[in-house]
Amino acid sequence: MGRFCCQCGEQVSGELPEEIIPGQDLSTNLQGMLVWLGHYGHLSYEKQQEWLAEFGKIEVSLGTLEAITRRVAEAVTPQVQELKEWVKTMASDSCG
């Protein structure tokens, strides 16, 4: 989706940087940091908004932060489940 140049009126567009996923406004590294701040740093979505505004001059909605958390949780669920199964096998092997 392009924008219109305010001087010539033509539609212009640019390419997203490699670290930006189309449809997501924040880089994957920043999304990972926000999830870390929320889960390990126990920072509420409101505090994450303040952090982004203060340090990055970035404004995001609470819905965006919730969507990031959901997307990352869905992405890591298979690995977490695999790790749980591995731990069970390790525990049963050591009792043996």
C-alpha atoms as a PDB file:
ATOM      1  CA  MET A   1       0.000   0.000   0.000  1.00  0.00           C
ATOM      2  CA  GLY A   2       1.525   3.271  -1.074  1.00  0.00           C
ATOM      3  CA  ARG A   3       1.153   6.857  -0.045  1.00  0.00           C
ATOM      4  CA  PHE A   4       0.703   9.969  -2.131  1.00  0.00           C
ATOM      5  CA  CYS A   5       3.518  12.491  -2.422  1.00  0.00           C
ATOM      6  CA  CYS A   6       2.371  15.841  -1.054  1.00  0.00           C
ATOM      7  CA  GLN A   7       4.419  17.689  -3.694  1.00  0.00           C
ATOM      8  CA  CYS A   8       3.795  15.832  -6.967  1.00  0.00           C
ATOM      9  CA  GLY A   9       0.658  13.846  -6.042  1.00  0.00           C
ATOM     10  CA  GLU A  10       2.045  10.527  -7.329  1.00  0.00           C
ATOM     11  CA  GLN A  11       1.604   7.331  -5.390  1.00  0.00           C
ATOM     12  CA  VAL A  12       4.879   6.228  -3.814  1.00  0.00           C
ATOM     13  CA  SER A  13       5.845   3.214  -1.740  1.00  0.00           C
ATOM     14  CA  GLY A  14       8.889   1.820  -0.050  1.00  0.00           C
ATOM     15  CA  GLU A  15      10.154  -1.538   1.042  1.00  0.00           C
ATOM     16  CA  LEU A  16      10.048  -2.710   4.622  1.00  0.00           C
ATOM     17  CA  PRO A  17      13.406  -3.449   6.257  1.00  0.00           C
ATOM     18  CA  GLU A  18      14.259  -7.158   6.433  1.00  0.00           C
ATOM     19  CA  GLU A  19      13.580  -7.312  10.188  1.00  0.00           C
ATOM     20  CA  ILE A  20       9.978  -6.095   9.751  1.00  0.00           C
ATOM     21  CA  ILE A  21       7.326  -8.697   8.948  1.00  0.00           C
ATOM     22  CA  PRO A  22       4.566  -7.379   6.649  1.00  0.00           C
ATOM     23  CA  GLY A  23       1.460  -6.637   8.706  1.00  0.00           C
ATOM     24  CA  GLN A  24       3.517  -6.192  11.862  1.00  0.00           C
ATOM     25  CA  ASP A  25       4.802  -2.724  12.638  1.00  0.00           C
ATOM     26  CA  LEU A  26       7.625  -3.741  14.961  1.00  0.00           C
ATOM     27  CA  SER A  27      10.799  -5.701  14.268  1.00  0.00           C
ATOM     28  CA  THR A  28      11.012  -9.286  15.454  1.00  0.00           C
ATOM     29  CA  ASN A  29      13.795  -8.295  17.883  1.00  0.00           C
ATOM     30  CA  LEU A  30      11.629  -5.605  19.449  1.00  0.00           C
ATOM     31  CA  GLN A  31       8.665  -7.977  19.639  1.00  0.00           C
ATOM     32  CA  GLY A  32      10.866 -10.505  21.427  1.00  0.00           C
ATOM     33  CA  MET A  33      12.030  -7.834  23.863  1.00  0.00           C
ATOM     34  CA  LEU A  34       8.447  -6.811  24.612  1.00  0.00           C
ATOM     35  CA  VAL A  35       7.439 -10.409  25.323  1.00  0.00           C
ATOM     36  CA  TRP A  36      10.474 -10.772  27.582  1.00  0.00           C
ATOM     37  CA  LEU A  37       9.591  -7.547  29.411  1.00  0.00           C
ATOM     38  CA  GLY A  38       6.028  -8.766  29.888  1.00  0.00           C
ATOM     39  CA  HIS A  39       6.720 -12.297  31.044  1.00  0.00           C
ATOM     40  CA  TYR A  40      10.102 -12.193  32.740  1.00  0.00           C
ATOM     41  CA  GLY A  41      10.164  -8.515  33.639  1.00  0.00           C
ATOM     42  CA  HIS A  42       6.523  -8.550  34.745  1.00  0.00           C
ATOM     43  CA  LEU A  43       5.879  -5.276  32.897  1.00  0.00           C
ATOM     44  CA  SER A  44       2.224  -4.598  32.165  1.00  0.00           C
ATOM     45  CA  TYR A  45       1.144  -3.617  28.660  1.00  0.00           C
ATOM     46  CA  GLU A  46       0.663  -0.055  29.919  1.00  0.00           C
ATOM     47  CA  LYS A  47       4.243   0.048  31.239  1.00  0.00           C
ATOM     48  CA  GLN A  48       5.488  -1.422  27.964  1.00  0.00           C
ATOM     49  CA  GLN A  49       3.703   1.431  26.159  1.00  0.00           C
ATOM     50  CA  GLU A  50       5.489   3.934  28.413  1.00  0.00           C
ATOM     51  CA  TRP A  51       8.837   2.223  27.814  1.00  0.00           C
ATOM     52  CA  LEU A  52       8.389   2.329  24.043  1.00  0.00           C
ATOM     53  CA  ALA A  53       7.321   5.971  24.115  1.00  0.00           C
ATOM     54  CA  GLU A  54      10.211   6.995  26.372  1.00  0.00           C
ATOM     55  CA  PHE A  55      13.071   5.106  24.751  1.00  0.00           C
ATOM     56  CA  GLY A  56      11.950   4.549  21.194  1.00  0.00           C
ATOM     57  CA  LYS A  57       9.413   7.312  20.585  1.00  0.00           C
ATOM     58  CA  ILE A  58       7.113   4.504  19.432  1.00  0.00           C
ATOM     59  CA  GLU A  59       3.378   4.531  20.098  1.00  0.00           C
ATOM     60  CA  VAL A  60       1.530   1.210  20.082  1.00  0.00           C
ATOM     61  CA  SER A  61      -1.904   0.162  21.230  1.00  0.00           C
ATOM     62  CA  LEU A  62      -2.659  -2.335  23.975  1.00  0.00           C
ATOM     63  CA  GLY A  63      -4.150  -4.553  21.264  1.00  0.00           C
ATOM     64  CA  THR A  64      -0.856  -4.585  19.370  1.00  0.00           C
ATOM     65  CA  LEU A  65       1.020  -5.642  22.507  1.00  0.00           C
ATOM     66  CA  GLU A  66      -1.512  -8.386  23.205  1.00  0.00           C
ATOM     67  CA  ALA A  67      -1.277  -9.597  19.595  1.00  0.00           C
ATOM     68  CA  ILE A  68       2.518  -9.744  19.835  1.00  0.00           C
ATOM     69  CA  THR A  69       2.315 -11.829  23.007  1.00  0.00           C
ATOM     70  CA  ARG A  70      -0.238 -14.194  21.434  1.00  0.00           C
ATOM     71  CA  ARG A  71       1.769 -14.544  18.210  1.00  0.00           C
ATOM     72  CA  VAL A  72       5.002 -15.353  20.048  1.00  0.00           C
ATOM     73  CA  ALA A  73       3.231 -17.820  22.368  1.00  0.00           C
ATOM     74  CA  GLU A  74       1.754 -19.634  19.370  1.00  0.00           C
ATOM     75  CA  ALA A  75       5.144 -19.702  17.654  1.00  0.00           C
ATOM     76  CA  VAL A  76       6.976 -21.311  20.590  1.00  0.00           C
ATOM     77  CA  THR A  77       4.250 -23.724  21.734  1.00  0.00           C
ATOM     78  CA  PRO A  78       5.564 -26.725  19.738  1.00  0.00           C
ATOM     79  CA  GLN A  79       9.096 -26.281  21.112  1.00  0.00           C
ATOM     80  CA  VAL A  80       7.818 -25.896  24.674  1.00  0.00           C
ATOM     81  CA  GLN A  81       5.750 -29.068  24.319  1.00  0.00           C
ATOM     82  CA  GLU A  82       8.758 -30.919  22.905  1.00  0.00           C
ATOM     83  CA  LEU A  83      10.870 -29.739  25.821  1.00  0.00           C
ATOM     84  CA  LYS A  84       8.231 -30.923  28.319  1.00  0.00           C
ATOM     85  CA  GLU A  85       8.273 -34.388  26.754  1.00  0.00           C
ATOM     86  CA  TRP A  86      12.068 -34.458  26.782  1.00  0.00           C
ATOM     87  CA  VAL A  87      12.139 -33.548  30.496  1.00  0.00           C
ATOM     88  CA  LYS A  88       9.703 -36.388  31.234  1.00  0.00           C
ATOM     89  CA  THR A  89      11.915 -38.909  29.452  1.00  0.00           C
ATOM     90  CA  MET A  90      15.029 -37.629  31.208  1.00  0.00           C
ATOM     91  CA  ALA A  91      13.318 -37.902  34.588  1.00  0.00           C
ATOM     92  CA  SER A  92      12.123 -41.451  33.938  1.00  0.00           C
ATOM     93  CA  ASP A  93      15.554 -42.526  32.598  1.00  0.00           C
ATOM     94  CA  SER A  94      17.362 -41.274  35.700  1.00  0.00           C
ATOM     95  CA  CYS A  95      15.063 -43.135  38.102  1.00  0.00           C
ATOM     96  CA  GLY A  96      15.634 -46.344  36.427  1.00  0.00           C
END
